[in-house]
């Protein structure tokens, strides 16, 4: 589970991007919502949330469709109200495993 701080930002890189870039398509969604939040920006395999809000809590899924099938990785975000004391004010990077799905996630990071 990733724990970005309210007001900060988080960048998720789809963990199944190495499956096949040729002829593949990728889609991001929030599992408990019909659409991505207004503060979300998608650039193919990357989802970025700016100015994190409490309602950004939830599970985000990247789903990659290739000629080999459909692959996905889930990322659980738990928004916190303040940075953890051991993190300080810098940049935190995590190579967190997806909650479920195929593939191995690449580094996911957030900036306080």
Protein backbone atom coordinates (compact mmCIF):
# COMPACT_ATOMS: atom_id res chain seq x y z
CA UNK A 1 0.00 0.00 0.00
CA UNK A 2 1.30 3.43 -0.95
CA UNK A 3 0.69 6.27 1.51
CA UNK A 4 0.91 9.65 -0.21
CA UNK A 5 0.37 12.81 1.84
CA UNK A 6 -2.61 15.12 1.30
CA UNK A 7 -1.60 18.04 -0.91
CA UNK A 8 1.35 16.11 -2.36
CA UNK A 9 1.50 14.09 -5.55
CA UNK A 10 1.91 10.46 -6.50
CA UNK A 11 3.10 8.82 -9.70
CA UNK A 12 2.22 5.22 -10.51
CA UNK A 13 3.99 3.36 -13.30
CA UNK A 14 2.09 0.40 -14.65
CA UNK A 15 3.89 -2.77 -13.60
CA UNK A 16 2.96 -4.77 -16.67
CA UNK A 17 4.50 -2.46 -19.25
CA UNK A 18 7.30 -4.92 -20.04
CA UNK A 19 4.78 -7.48 -21.33
CA UNK A 20 4.65 -5.99 -24.81
CA UNK A 21 4.78 -2.42 -26.00
CA UNK A 22 4.07 -3.31 -29.62
CA UNK A 23 0.36 -3.34 -30.38
CA UNK A 24 -0.70 -2.98 -26.75
CA UNK A 25 -3.12 -0.56 -25.13
CA UNK A 26 -3.26 0.53 -21.52
CA UNK A 27 -6.14 1.86 -19.44
CA UNK A 28 -6.15 3.21 -15.87
CA UNK A 29 -9.17 3.21 -13.57
CA UNK A 30 -10.09 3.56 -9.92
CA UNK A 31 -11.88 0.38 -8.85
CA UNK A 32 -14.50 2.03 -6.60
CA UNK A 33 -15.42 4.81 -9.09
CA UNK A 34 -16.79 5.18 -12.60
CA UNK A 35 -14.04 7.60 -13.63
CA UNK A 36 -10.59 8.66 -12.50
CA UNK A 37 -10.49 11.63 -10.10
CA UNK A 38 -10.33 15.13 -11.59
CA UNK A 39 -6.76 15.55 -10.29
CA UNK A 40 -5.51 12.49 -12.24
CA UNK A 41 -3.43 12.70 -15.41
CA UNK A 42 -2.65 9.66 -17.55
CA UNK A 43 0.30 9.37 -19.91
CA UNK A 44 0.08 5.83 -21.28
CA UNK A 45 1.76 3.61 -18.63
CA UNK A 46 1.95 6.41 -16.04
CA UNK A 47 -0.83 7.74 -13.76
CA UNK A 48 -0.10 10.93 -11.81
CA UNK A 49 -2.28 12.41 -9.08
CA UNK A 50 -1.55 16.04 -8.16
CA UNK A 51 -2.71 17.87 -5.04
CA UNK A 52 -3.73 14.60 -3.33
CA UNK A 53 -7.11 14.68 -1.58
CA UNK A 54 -8.67 12.32 0.95
CA UNK A 55 -11.06 10.93 -1.67
CA UNK A 56 -8.06 9.76 -3.73
CA UNK A 57 -7.93 6.78 -1.32
CA UNK A 58 -8.59 3.53 -3.11
CA UNK A 59 -7.31 0.92 -5.50
CA UNK A 60 -6.07 2.01 -8.92
CA UNK A 61 -5.71 -0.51 -11.74
CA UNK A 62 -3.67 -0.39 -14.92
CA UNK A 63 -4.91 -2.87 -17.48
CA UNK A 64 -2.80 -3.71 -20.51
CA UNK A 65 -4.36 -5.44 -23.50
CA UNK A 66 -1.96 -7.20 -25.88
CA UNK A 67 -2.21 -9.92 -28.49
CA UNK A 68 -1.26 -12.31 -25.66
CA UNK A 69 -4.22 -11.31 -23.48
CA UNK A 70 -5.15 -8.84 -20.76
CA UNK A 71 -2.74 -8.16 -17.89
CA UNK A 72 -3.29 -5.89 -14.91
CA UNK A 73 -1.71 -4.58 -11.73
CA UNK A 74 -3.49 -2.93 -8.78
CA UNK A 75 -2.07 -0.22 -6.53
CA UNK A 76 -3.67 0.57 -3.16
CA UNK A 77 -3.38 4.24 -2.13
CA UNK A 78 -4.03 5.26 1.46
CA UNK A 79 -3.88 9.04 1.78
CA UNK A 80 -2.33 10.35 5.00
CA UNK A 81 -2.63 13.80 6.52
CA UNK A 82 1.08 14.30 7.28
CA UNK A 83 4.44 12.89 6.27
CA UNK A 84 5.84 10.11 8.42
CA UNK A 85 8.62 11.42 10.70
CA UNK A 86 11.30 9.21 9.15
CA UNK A 87 10.47 10.36 5.61
CA UNK A 88 11.13 14.06 5.96
CA UNK A 89 10.27 16.52 3.22
CA UNK A 90 12.03 14.83 0.32
CA UNK A 91 10.91 12.38 -2.30
CA UNK A 92 9.76 8.91 -1.34
CA UNK A 93 10.06 6.04 -3.80
CA UNK A 94 8.60 2.59 -3.36
CA UNK A 95 8.85 -0.54 -5.48
CA UNK A 96 5.61 -1.83 -3.97
CA UNK A 97 4.18 -5.07 -5.30
CA UNK A 98 0.74 -4.89 -6.87
CA UNK A 99 -2.17 -6.08 -4.75
CA UNK A 100 -3.08 -8.64 -7.39
CA UNK A 101 -2.72 -9.19 -11.10
CA UNK A 102 0.03 -10.08 -13.51
CA UNK A 103 3.39 -8.44 -13.89
CA UNK A 104 5.83 -6.74 -11.59
CA UNK A 105 5.36 -3.05 -10.82
CA UNK A 106 8.08 -0.60 -11.52
CA UNK A 107 9.01 2.05 -8.99
CA UNK A 108 6.12 4.18 -7.81
CA UNK A 109 6.86 7.47 -6.15
CA UNK A 110 5.35 10.48 -4.53
CA UNK A 111 6.70 13.90 -3.75
CA UNK A 112 5.91 15.73 -0.53
